[in-house]
All heavy atoms as atom14 arrays in JSON, in Angstrom:
{
  "sequence": "RLSESVRGRSFGKTYICVVEGVPARQEATLEHYIRKDQKRNVVT",
  "atom14_mask": [
    [1, 1, 1, 1, 1, 1, 1, 1, 1, 1, 1, 0, 0, 0],
    [1, 1, 1, 1, 1, 1, 1, 1, 0, 0, 0, 0, 0, 0],
    [1, 1, 1, 1, 1, 1, 0, 0, 0, 0, 0, 0, 0, 0],
    [1, 1, 1, 1, 1, 1, 1, 1, 1, 0, 0, 0, 0, 0],
    [1, 1, 1, 1, 1, 1, 0, 0, 0, 0, 0, 0, 0, 0],
    [1, 1, 1, 1, 1, 1, 1, 0, 0, 0, 0, 0, 0, 0],
    [1, 1, 1, 1, 1, 1, 1, 1, 1, 1, 1, 0, 0, 0],
    [1, 1, 1, 1, 0, 0, 0, 0, 0, 0, 0, 0, 0, 0],
    [1, 1, 1, 1, 1, 1, 1, 1, 1, 1, 1, 0, 0, 0],
    [1, 1, 1, 1, 1, 1, 0, 0, 0, 0, 0, 0, 0, 0],
    [1, 1, 1, 1, 1, 1, 1, 1, 1, 1, 1, 0, 0, 0],
    [1, 1, 1, 1, 0, 0, 0, 0, 0, 0, 0, 0, 0, 0],
    [1, 1, 1, 1, 1, 1, 1, 1, 1, 0, 0, 0, 0, 0],
    [1, 1, 1, 1, 1, 1, 1, 0, 0, 0, 0, 0, 0, 0],
    [1, 1, 1, 1, 1, 1, 1, 1, 1, 1, 1, 1, 0, 0],
    [1, 1, 1, 1, 1, 1, 1, 1, 0, 0, 0, 0, 0, 0],
    [1, 1, 1, 1, 1, 1, 0, 0, 0, 0, 0, 0, 0, 0],
    [1, 1, 1, 1, 1, 1, 1, 0, 0, 0, 0, 0, 0, 0],
    [1, 1, 1, 1, 1, 1, 1, 0, 0, 0, 0, 0, 0, 0],
    [1, 1, 1, 1, 1, 1, 1, 1, 1, 0, 0, 0, 0, 0],
    [1, 1, 1, 1, 0, 0, 0, 0, 0, 0, 0, 0, 0, 0],
    [1, 1, 1, 1, 1, 1, 1, 0, 0, 0, 0, 0, 0, 0],
    [1, 1, 1, 1, 1, 1, 1, 0, 0, 0, 0, 0, 0, 0],
    [1, 1, 1, 1, 1, 0, 0, 0, 0, 0, 0, 0, 0, 0],
    [1, 1, 1, 1, 1, 1, 1, 1, 1, 1, 1, 0, 0, 0],
    [1, 1, 1, 1, 1, 1, 1, 1, 1, 0, 0, 0, 0, 0],
    [1, 1, 1, 1, 1, 1, 1, 1, 1, 0, 0, 0, 0, 0],
    [1, 1, 1, 1, 1, 0, 0, 0, 0, 0, 0, 0, 0, 0],
    [1, 1, 1, 1, 1, 1, 1, 0, 0, 0, 0, 0, 0, 0],
    [1, 1, 1, 1, 1, 1, 1, 1, 0, 0, 0, 0, 0, 0],
    [1, 1, 1, 1, 1, 1, 1, 1, 1, 0, 0, 0, 0, 0],
    [1, 1, 1, 1, 1, 1, 1, 1, 1, 1, 0, 0, 0, 0],
    [1, 1, 1, 1, 1, 1, 1, 1, 1, 1, 1, 1, 0, 0],
    [1, 1, 1, 1, 1, 1, 1, 1, 0, 0, 0, 0, 0, 0],
    [1, 1, 1, 1, 1, 1, 1, 1, 1, 1, 1, 0, 0, 0],
    [1, 1, 1, 1, 1, 1, 1, 1, 1, 0, 0, 0, 0, 0],
    [1, 1, 1, 1, 1, 1, 1, 1, 0, 0, 0, 0, 0, 0],
    [1, 1, 1, 1, 1, 1, 1, 1, 1, 0, 0, 0, 0, 0],
    [1, 1, 1, 1, 1, 1, 1, 1, 1, 0, 0, 0, 0, 0],
    [1, 1, 1, 1, 1, 1, 1, 1, 1, 1, 1, 0, 0, 0],
    [1, 1, 1, 1, 1, 1, 1, 1, 0, 0, 0, 0, 0, 0],
    [1, 1, 1, 1, 1, 1, 1, 0, 0, 0, 0, 0, 0, 0],
    [1, 1, 1, 1, 1, 1, 1, 0, 0, 0, 0, 0, 0, 0],
    [1, 1, 1, 1, 1, 1, 1, 0, 0, 0, 0, 0, 0, 0]
  ],
  "atom14_positions": [
    [[234.85, -146.51, 12.05], [233.54, -146.41, 11.42], [233.23, -144.97, 11.04], [232.65, -144.7, 9.98], [232.46, -146.97, 12.35], [232.55, -148.48, 12.49], [231.52, -149.02, 13.46], [231.58, -150.49, 13.5], [230.85, -151.25, 14.32], [229.99, -150.67, 15.16], [230.97, -152.54, 14.28], [0.0, 0.0, 0.0], [0.0, 0.0, 0.0], [0.0, 0.0, 0.0]],
    [[233.63, -144.01, 11.85], [233.4, -142.63, 11.52], [234.27, -142.19, 10.35], [233.84, -141.43, 9.48], [233.68, -141.72, 12.75], [232.65, -141.85, 13.9], [233.15, -141.13, 15.14], [231.3, -141.3, 13.47], [0.0, 0.0, 0.0], [0.0, 0.0, 0.0], [0.0, 0.0, 0.0], [0.0, 0.0, 0.0], [0.0, 0.0, 0.0], [0.0, 0.0, 0.0]],
    [[235.49, -142.68, 10.31], [236.39, -142.37, 9.19], [235.82, -142.96, 7.89], [235.94, -142.36, 6.81], [237.79, -142.92, 9.43], [238.39, -142.28, 10.54], [0.0, 0.0, 0.0], [0.0, 0.0, 0.0], [0.0, 0.0, 0.0], [0.0, 0.0, 0.0], [0.0, 0.0, 0.0], [0.0, 0.0, 0.0], [0.0, 0.0, 0.0], [0.0, 0.0, 0.0]],
    [[235.2, -144.12, 8.0], [234.54, -144.73, 6.82], [233.38, -143.86, 6.35], [233.14, -143.71, 5.15], [234.05, -146.14, 7.2], [233.52, -146.94, 6.03], [233.14, -148.36, 6.46], [233.87, -148.93, 7.29], [232.11, -148.85, 5.96], [0.0, 0.0, 0.0], [0.0, 0.0, 0.0], [0.0, 0.0, 0.0], [0.0, 0.0, 0.0], [0.0, 0.0, 0.0]],
    [[232.66, -143.26, 7.29], [231.57, -142.34, 6.94], [232.11, -141.12, 6.18], [231.51, -140.64, 5.23], [230.82, -141.87, 8.19], [230.2, -142.96, 8.83], [0.0, 0.0, 0.0], [0.0, 0.0, 0.0], [0.0, 0.0, 0.0], [0.0, 0.0, 0.0], [0.0, 0.0, 0.0], [0.0, 0.0, 0.0], [0.0, 0.0, 0.0], [0.0, 0.0, 0.0]],
    [[233.26, -140.63, 6.6], [233.89, -139.51, 5.93], [234.25, -139.89, 4.48], [233.94, -139.16, 3.55], [235.15, -139.01, 6.68], [235.87, -137.94, 5.88], [234.77, -138.48, 8.06], [0.0, 0.0, 0.0], [0.0, 0.0, 0.0], [0.0, 0.0, 0.0], [0.0, 0.0, 0.0], [0.0, 0.0, 0.0], [0.0, 0.0, 0.0], [0.0, 0.0, 0.0]],
    [[234.91, -141.06, 4.33], [235.31, -141.51, 3.0], [234.08, -141.78, 2.12], [234.11, -141.51, 0.92], [236.16, -142.77, 3.11], [237.55, -142.53, 3.68], [238.44, -143.74, 3.53], [237.93, -144.89, 4.27], [238.23, -145.18, 5.55], [239.03, -144.38, 6.19], [237.76, -146.23, 6.14], [0.0, 0.0, 0.0], [0.0, 0.0, 0.0], [0.0, 0.0, 0.0]],
    [[233.03, -142.31, 2.71], [231.83, -142.62, 1.95], [230.91, -141.43, 1.73], [229.86, -141.56, 1.11], [0.0, 0.0, 0.0], [0.0, 0.0, 0.0], [0.0, 0.0, 0.0], [0.0, 0.0, 0.0], [0.0, 0.0, 0.0], [0.0, 0.0, 0.0], [0.0, 0.0, 0.0], [0.0, 0.0, 0.0], [0.0, 0.0, 0.0], [0.0, 0.0, 0.0]],
    [[231.32, -140.28, 2.28], [230.57, -139.02, 2.15], [229.15, -139.09, 2.72], [228.22, -138.45, 2.21], [230.56, -138.55, 0.68], [231.99, -138.26, 0.17], [232.02, -137.66, -1.21], [233.42, -137.41, -1.6], [233.79, -136.91, -2.77], [232.87, -136.58, -3.67], [235.07, -136.7, -3.04], [0.0, 0.0, 0.0], [0.0, 0.0, 0.0], [0.0, 0.0, 0.0]],
    [[229.02, -139.9, 3.78], [227.77, -139.87, 4.55], [227.96, -139.01, 5.81], [227.17, -139.03, 6.75], [227.35, -141.27, 4.96], [228.34, -141.93, 5.72], [0.0, 0.0, 0.0], [0.0, 0.0, 0.0], [0.0, 0.0, 0.0], [0.0, 0.0, 0.0], [0.0, 0.0, 0.0], [0.0, 0.0, 0.0], [0.0, 0.0, 0.0], [0.0, 0.0, 0.0]],
    [[229.04, -138.25, 5.79], [229.43, -137.36, 6.88], [229.08, -135.95, 6.44], [229.75, -135.36, 5.61], [230.95, -137.52, 7.11], [231.48, -136.89, 8.36], [231.64, -137.63, 9.51], [231.87, -135.55, 8.36], [232.18, -137.06, 10.65], [232.39, -134.98, 9.51], [232.54, -135.73, 10.67], [0.0, 0.0, 0.0], [0.0, 0.0, 0.0], [0.0, 0.0, 0.0]],
    [[227.98, -135.39, 6.94], [227.5, -134.12, 6.49], [228.08, -132.95, 7.26], [228.14, -133.0, 8.5], [0.0, 0.0, 0.0], [0.0, 0.0, 0.0], [0.0, 0.0, 0.0], [0.0, 0.0, 0.0], [0.0, 0.0, 0.0], [0.0, 0.0, 0.0], [0.0, 0.0, 0.0], [0.0, 0.0, 0.0], [0.0, 0.0, 0.0], [0.0, 0.0, 0.0]],
    [[228.48, -131.89, 6.55], [229.09, -130.74, 7.22], [228.5, -129.47, 6.62], [228.48, -129.3, 5.41], [230.61, -130.73, 7.05], [231.3, -131.84, 7.83], [232.81, -131.78, 7.66], [233.26, -132.28, 6.31], [234.71, -132.34, 6.15], [0.0, 0.0, 0.0], [0.0, 0.0, 0.0], [0.0, 0.0, 0.0], [0.0, 0.0, 0.0], [0.0, 0.0, 0.0]],
    [[227.99, -128.59, 7.49], [227.52, -127.29, 7.03], [228.25, -126.18, 7.78], [228.7, -126.39, 8.93], [226.01, -127.1, 7.21], [225.69, -127.05, 8.62], [225.23, -128.23, 6.58], [0.0, 0.0, 0.0], [0.0, 0.0, 0.0], [0.0, 0.0, 0.0], [0.0, 0.0, 0.0], [0.0, 0.0, 0.0], [0.0, 0.0, 0.0], [0.0, 0.0, 0.0]],
    [[228.37, -125.06, 7.14], [229.09, -123.91, 7.69], [228.3, -122.65, 7.39], [227.45, -122.6, 6.5], [230.47, -123.77, 7.02], [231.43, -124.89, 7.27], [231.32, -126.11, 6.6], [232.48, -124.76, 8.17], [232.2, -127.16, 6.82], [233.39, -125.78, 8.39], [233.25, -126.97, 7.72], [234.12, -127.99, 7.95], [0.0, 0.0, 0.0], [0.0, 0.0, 0.0]],
    [[228.64, -121.59, 8.14], [228.27, -120.25, 7.7], [229.56, -119.44, 7.6], [230.55, -119.72, 8.28], [227.28, -119.54, 8.66], [227.81, -119.49, 10.11], [225.92, -120.22, 8.62], [226.93, -118.66, 11.06], [0.0, 0.0, 0.0], [0.0, 0.0, 0.0], [0.0, 0.0, 0.0], [0.0, 0.0, 0.0], [0.0, 0.0, 0.0], [0.0, 0.0, 0.0]],
    [[229.53, -118.46, 6.71], [230.69, -117.6, 6.57], [230.22, -116.21, 6.2], [229.1, -116.01, 5.72], [231.68, -118.12, 5.53], [231.02, -118.31, 3.87], [0.0, 0.0, 0.0], [0.0, 0.0, 0.0], [0.0, 0.0, 0.0], [0.0, 0.0, 0.0], [0.0, 0.0, 0.0], [0.0, 0.0, 0.0], [0.0, 0.0, 0.0], [0.0, 0.0, 0.0]],
    [[231.07, -115.21, 6.43], [230.83, -113.87, 6.01], [231.84, -113.55, 4.94], [233.06, -113.72, 5.16], [230.92, -112.85, 7.16], [230.74, -111.42, 6.65], [229.91, -113.16, 8.24], [0.0, 0.0, 0.0], [0.0, 0.0, 0.0], [0.0, 0.0, 0.0], [0.0, 0.0, 0.0], [0.0, 0.0, 0.0], [0.0, 0.0, 0.0], [0.0, 0.0, 0.0]],
    [[231.36, -113.15, 3.76], [232.27, -112.86, 2.65], [232.21, -111.39, 2.29], [231.24, -110.68, 2.59], [231.95, -113.72, 1.4], [231.99, -115.18, 1.72], [230.58, -113.31, 0.82], [0.0, 0.0, 0.0], [0.0, 0.0, 0.0], [0.0, 0.0, 0.0], [0.0, 0.0, 0.0], [0.0, 0.0, 0.0], [0.0, 0.0, 0.0], [0.0, 0.0, 0.0]],
    [[233.24, -110.93, 1.62], [233.27, -109.56, 1.1], [232.41, -109.53, -0.16], [232.52, -110.41, -1.03], [234.7, -109.13, 0.81], [235.55, -109.01, 2.07], [236.95, -108.5, 1.77], [237.31, -108.43, 0.57], [237.68, -108.18, 2.72], [0.0, 0.0, 0.0], [0.0, 0.0, 0.0], [0.0, 0.0, 0.0], [0.0, 0.0, 0.0], [0.0, 0.0, 0.0]],
    [[231.58, -108.47, -0.28], [230.76, -108.33, -1.49], [229.57, -109.24, -1.52], [229.16, -109.81, -0.48], [0.0, 0.0, 0.0], [0.0, 0.0, 0.0], [0.0, 0.0, 0.0], [0.0, 0.0, 0.0], [0.0, 0.0, 0.0], [0.0, 0.0, 0.0], [0.0, 0.0, 0.0], [0.0, 0.0, 0.0], [0.0, 0.0, 0.0], [0.0, 0.0, 0.0]],
    [[229.0, -109.44, -2.69], [227.83, -110.28, -2.91], [228.1, -111.23, -4.09], [228.44, -110.73, -5.16], [226.56, -109.43, -3.22], [225.33, -110.31, -3.3], [226.38, -108.34, -2.18], [0.0, 0.0, 0.0], [0.0, 0.0, 0.0], [0.0, 0.0, 0.0], [0.0, 0.0, 0.0], [0.0, 0.0, 0.0], [0.0, 0.0, 0.0], [0.0, 0.0, 0.0]],
    [[227.99, -112.53, -3.91], [228.18, -113.44, -5.02], [227.24, -113.13, -6.18], [226.1, -112.64, -5.96], [227.9, -114.81, -4.41], [228.14, -114.65, -2.94], [227.71, -113.24, -2.64], [0.0, 0.0, 0.0], [0.0, 0.0, 0.0], [0.0, 0.0, 0.0], [0.0, 0.0, 0.0], [0.0, 0.0, 0.0], [0.0, 0.0, 0.0], [0.0, 0.0, 0.0]],
    [[227.68, -113.44, -7.4], [226.86, -113.14, -8.58], [225.54, -113.9, -8.57], [224.54, -113.41, -9.07], [227.66, -113.46, -9.84], [0.0, 0.0, 0.0], [0.0, 0.0, 0.0], [0.0, 0.0, 0.0], [0.0, 0.0, 0.0], [0.0, 0.0, 0.0], [0.0, 0.0, 0.0], [0.0, 0.0, 0.0], [0.0, 0.0, 0.0], [0.0, 0.0, 0.0]],
    [[225.55, -115.11, -8.0], [224.33, -115.91, -7.94], [223.92, -116.09, -6.49], [224.76, -116.29, -5.6], [224.56, -117.26, -8.59], [224.93, -117.16, -10.08], [225.34, -118.48, -10.67], [224.27, -119.49, -10.59], [224.45, -120.76, -10.95], [225.62, -121.19, -11.37], [223.41, -121.61, -10.88], [0.0, 0.0, 0.0], [0.0, 0.0, 0.0], [0.0, 0.0, 0.0]],
    [[222.62, -116.04, -6.23], [222.08, -116.17, -4.9], [222.37, -117.54, -4.31], [222.64, -117.67, -3.1], [220.56, -115.92, -4.91], [219.9, -115.88, -3.55], [220.09, -114.56, -2.81], [220.71, -113.66, -3.35], [219.59, -114.48, -1.61], [0.0, 0.0, 0.0], [0.0, 0.0, 0.0], [0.0, 0.0, 0.0], [0.0, 0.0, 0.0], [0.0, 0.0, 0.0]],
    [[222.29, -118.54, -5.12], [222.58, -119.92, -4.72], [223.24, -120.66, -5.86], [222.82, -120.51, -7.02], [221.29, -120.64, -4.27], [221.53, -122.05, -3.72], [220.31, -122.65, -3.04], [219.3, -121.92, -2.87], [220.34, -123.85, -2.73], [0.0, 0.0, 0.0], [0.0, 0.0, 0.0], [0.0, 0.0, 0.0], [0.0, 0.0, 0.0], [0.0, 0.0, 0.0]],
    [[224.27, -121.43, -5.56], [224.99, -122.15, -6.63], [225.82, -123.26, -6.05], [226.13, -123.28, -4.85], [225.89, -121.17, -7.4], [0.0, 0.0, 0.0], [0.0, 0.0, 0.0], [0.0, 0.0, 0.0], [0.0, 0.0, 0.0], [0.0, 0.0, 0.0], [0.0, 0.0, 0.0], [0.0, 0.0, 0.0], [0.0, 0.0, 0.0], [0.0, 0.0, 0.0]],
    [[226.15, -124.22, -6.9], [227.1, -125.26, -6.55], [228.42, -124.97, -7.27], [228.42, -124.78, -8.49], [226.59, -126.65, -6.95], [225.42, -126.96, -6.19], [227.64, -127.74, -6.68], [0.0, 0.0, 0.0], [0.0, 0.0, 0.0], [0.0, 0.0, 0.0], [0.0, 0.0, 0.0], [0.0, 0.0, 0.0], [0.0, 0.0, 0.0], [0.0, 0.0, 0.0]],
    [[229.49, -124.84, -6.5], [230.81, -124.55, -7.05], [231.58, -125.86, -7.24], [231.7, -126.65, -6.28], [231.58, -123.6, -6.15], [230.93, -122.25, -5.81], [231.86, -121.44, -4.92], [230.58, -121.49, -7.09], [0.0, 0.0, 0.0], [0.0, 0.0, 0.0], [0.0, 0.0, 0.0], [0.0, 0.0, 0.0], [0.0, 0.0, 0.0], [0.0, 0.0, 0.0]],
    [[232.08, -126.07, -8.44], [232.9, -127.25, -8.73], [234.21, -126.81, -9.29], [234.27, -126.19, -10.37], [232.15, -128.17, -9.69], [230.86, -128.68, -9.14], [230.14, -129.68, -10.04], [230.6, -130.84, -10.11], [229.17, -129.29, -10.71], [0.0, 0.0, 0.0], [0.0, 0.0, 0.0], [0.0, 0.0, 0.0], [0.0, 0.0, 0.0], [0.0, 0.0, 0.0]],
    [[235.29, -127.07, -8.56], [236.62, -126.69, -8.95], [237.61, -127.82, -8.69], [237.21, -128.92, -8.24], [237.09, -125.43, -8.2], [236.26, -124.21, -8.44], [235.41, -123.68, -7.49], [236.15, -123.42, -9.53], [234.83, -122.59, -7.96], [235.25, -122.43, -9.19], [0.0, 0.0, 0.0], [0.0, 0.0, 0.0], [0.0, 0.0, 0.0], [0.0, 0.0, 0.0]],
    [[238.86, -127.53, -8.91], [239.95, -128.45, -8.58], [240.96, -127.71, -7.74], [241.31, -126.55, -8.05], [240.59, -128.99, -9.86], [239.61, -129.83, -10.67], [238.74, -129.2, -11.59], [239.48, -131.2, -10.5], [237.82, -129.93, -12.31], [238.55, -131.92, -11.21], [237.73, -131.29, -12.1], [236.79, -132.0, -12.8], [0.0, 0.0, 0.0], [0.0, 0.0, 0.0]],
    [[241.41, -128.34, -6.65], [242.26, -127.68, -5.69], [243.59, -128.43, -5.53], [243.6, -129.66, -5.39], [241.55, -127.6, -4.33], [240.5, -126.48, -4.34], [242.52, -127.35, -3.19], [239.74, -126.31, -3.04], [0.0, 0.0, 0.0], [0.0, 0.0, 0.0], [0.0, 0.0, 0.0], [0.0, 0.0, 0.0], [0.0, 0.0, 0.0], [0.0, 0.0, 0.0]],
    [[244.67, -127.64, -5.54], [246.0, -128.22, -5.27], [246.65, -127.48, -4.14], [246.69, -126.24, -4.15], [246.89, -128.14, -6.53], [248.31, -128.75, -6.32], [249.04, -128.86, -7.61], [249.29, -127.57, -8.22], [249.54, -127.38, -9.51], [249.52, -128.43, -10.35], [249.75, -126.18, -9.99], [0.0, 0.0, 0.0], [0.0, 0.0, 0.0], [0.0, 0.0, 0.0]],
    [[247.16, -128.2, -3.15], [247.77, -127.55, -1.99], [249.27, -127.49, -2.11], [249.92, -128.47, -2.47], [247.38, -128.31, -0.7], [247.9, -127.62, 0.56], [247.37, -128.27, 1.83], [247.86, -127.49, 3.05], [247.37, -128.08, 4.32], [0.0, 0.0, 0.0], [0.0, 0.0, 0.0], [0.0, 0.0, 0.0], [0.0, 0.0, 0.0], [0.0, 0.0, 0.0]],
    [[249.83, -126.33, -1.78], [251.27, -126.15, -1.64], [251.59, -126.34, -0.15], [251.3, -125.49, 0.67], [251.63, -124.74, -2.1], [253.15, -124.5, -2.06], [253.83, -125.08, -1.2], [253.64, -123.7, -2.91], [0.0, 0.0, 0.0], [0.0, 0.0, 0.0], [0.0, 0.0, 0.0], [0.0, 0.0, 0.0], [0.0, 0.0, 0.0], [0.0, 0.0, 0.0]],
    [[252.15, -127.5, 0.15], [252.42, -127.86, 1.56], [253.39, -126.88, 2.23], [253.23, -126.56, 3.41], [252.97, -129.28, 1.65], [252.01, -130.35, 1.15], [250.85, -130.59, 2.1], [250.81, -130.07, 3.22], [249.88, -131.38, 1.67], [0.0, 0.0, 0.0], [0.0, 0.0, 0.0], [0.0, 0.0, 0.0], [0.0, 0.0, 0.0], [0.0, 0.0, 0.0]],
    [[254.38, -126.4, 1.49], [255.39, -125.55, 2.07], [254.79, -124.2, 2.48], [255.11, -123.64, 3.52], [256.57, -125.35, 1.11], [257.4, -126.59, 0.9], [258.57, -126.3, -0.01], [259.45, -127.55, -0.19], [260.6, -127.28, -1.12], [0.0, 0.0, 0.0], [0.0, 0.0, 0.0], [0.0, 0.0, 0.0], [0.0, 0.0, 0.0], [0.0, 0.0, 0.0]],
    [[253.94, -123.66, 1.62], [253.38, -122.32, 1.89], [252.01, -122.42, 2.6], [251.47, -121.38, 3.01], [253.22, -121.54, 0.58], [254.51, -121.23, -0.11], [254.31, -120.22, -1.23], [253.38, -120.7, -2.25], [252.33, -120.02, -2.68], [252.05, -118.84, -2.16], [251.54, -120.54, -3.62], [0.0, 0.0, 0.0], [0.0, 0.0, 0.0], [0.0, 0.0, 0.0]],
    [[251.47, -123.64, 2.75], [250.16, -123.84, 3.38], [249.11, -122.98, 2.7], [248.33, -122.26, 3.37], [250.21, -123.56, 4.86], [248.96, -124.07, 5.58], [248.31, -125.03, 5.16], [248.57, -123.37, 6.63], [0.0, 0.0, 0.0], [0.0, 0.0, 0.0], [0.0, 0.0, 0.0], [0.0, 0.0, 0.0], [0.0, 0.0, 0.0], [0.0, 0.0, 0.0]],
    [[249.03, -123.06, 1.39], [248.06, -122.31, 0.63], [247.6, -123.2, -0.52], [248.35, -124.06, -0.99], [248.63, -120.97, 0.11], [249.72, -121.23, -0.93], [247.56, -120.08, -0.43], [0.0, 0.0, 0.0], [0.0, 0.0, 0.0], [0.0, 0.0, 0.0], [0.0, 0.0, 0.0], [0.0, 0.0, 0.0], [0.0, 0.0, 0.0], [0.0, 0.0, 0.0]],
    [[246.35, -123.04, -0.98], [245.86, -123.85, -2.09], [245.58, -122.96, -3.29], [245.28, -121.78, -3.17], [244.58, -124.66, -1.71], [244.84, -125.51, -0.48], [243.41, -123.75, -1.5], [0.0, 0.0, 0.0], [0.0, 0.0, 0.0], [0.0, 0.0, 0.0], [0.0, 0.0, 0.0], [0.0, 0.0, 0.0], [0.0, 0.0, 0.0], [0.0, 0.0, 0.0]],
    [[245.68, -123.58, -4.47], [245.34, -122.94, -5.72], [244.1, -123.6, -6.3], [243.97, -124.84, -6.26], [246.51, -123.06, -6.72], [247.7, -122.48, -6.13], [246.2, -122.32, -8.02], [0.0, 0.0, 0.0], [0.0, 0.0, 0.0], [0.0, 0.0, 0.0], [0.0, 0.0, 0.0], [0.0, 0.0, 0.0], [0.0, 0.0, 0.0], [0.0, 0.0, 0.0]]
  ]
}
């Protein structure tokens, strides 16, 4: 049932982070496309 919540996106997750610099916009929604390189464990 919890996995179903994850798939249905009723599973809410919030984070805090510290970043270098200051983002250009005070608040924004970022929409991108991500591809993972399994061998190097890094995403593009």
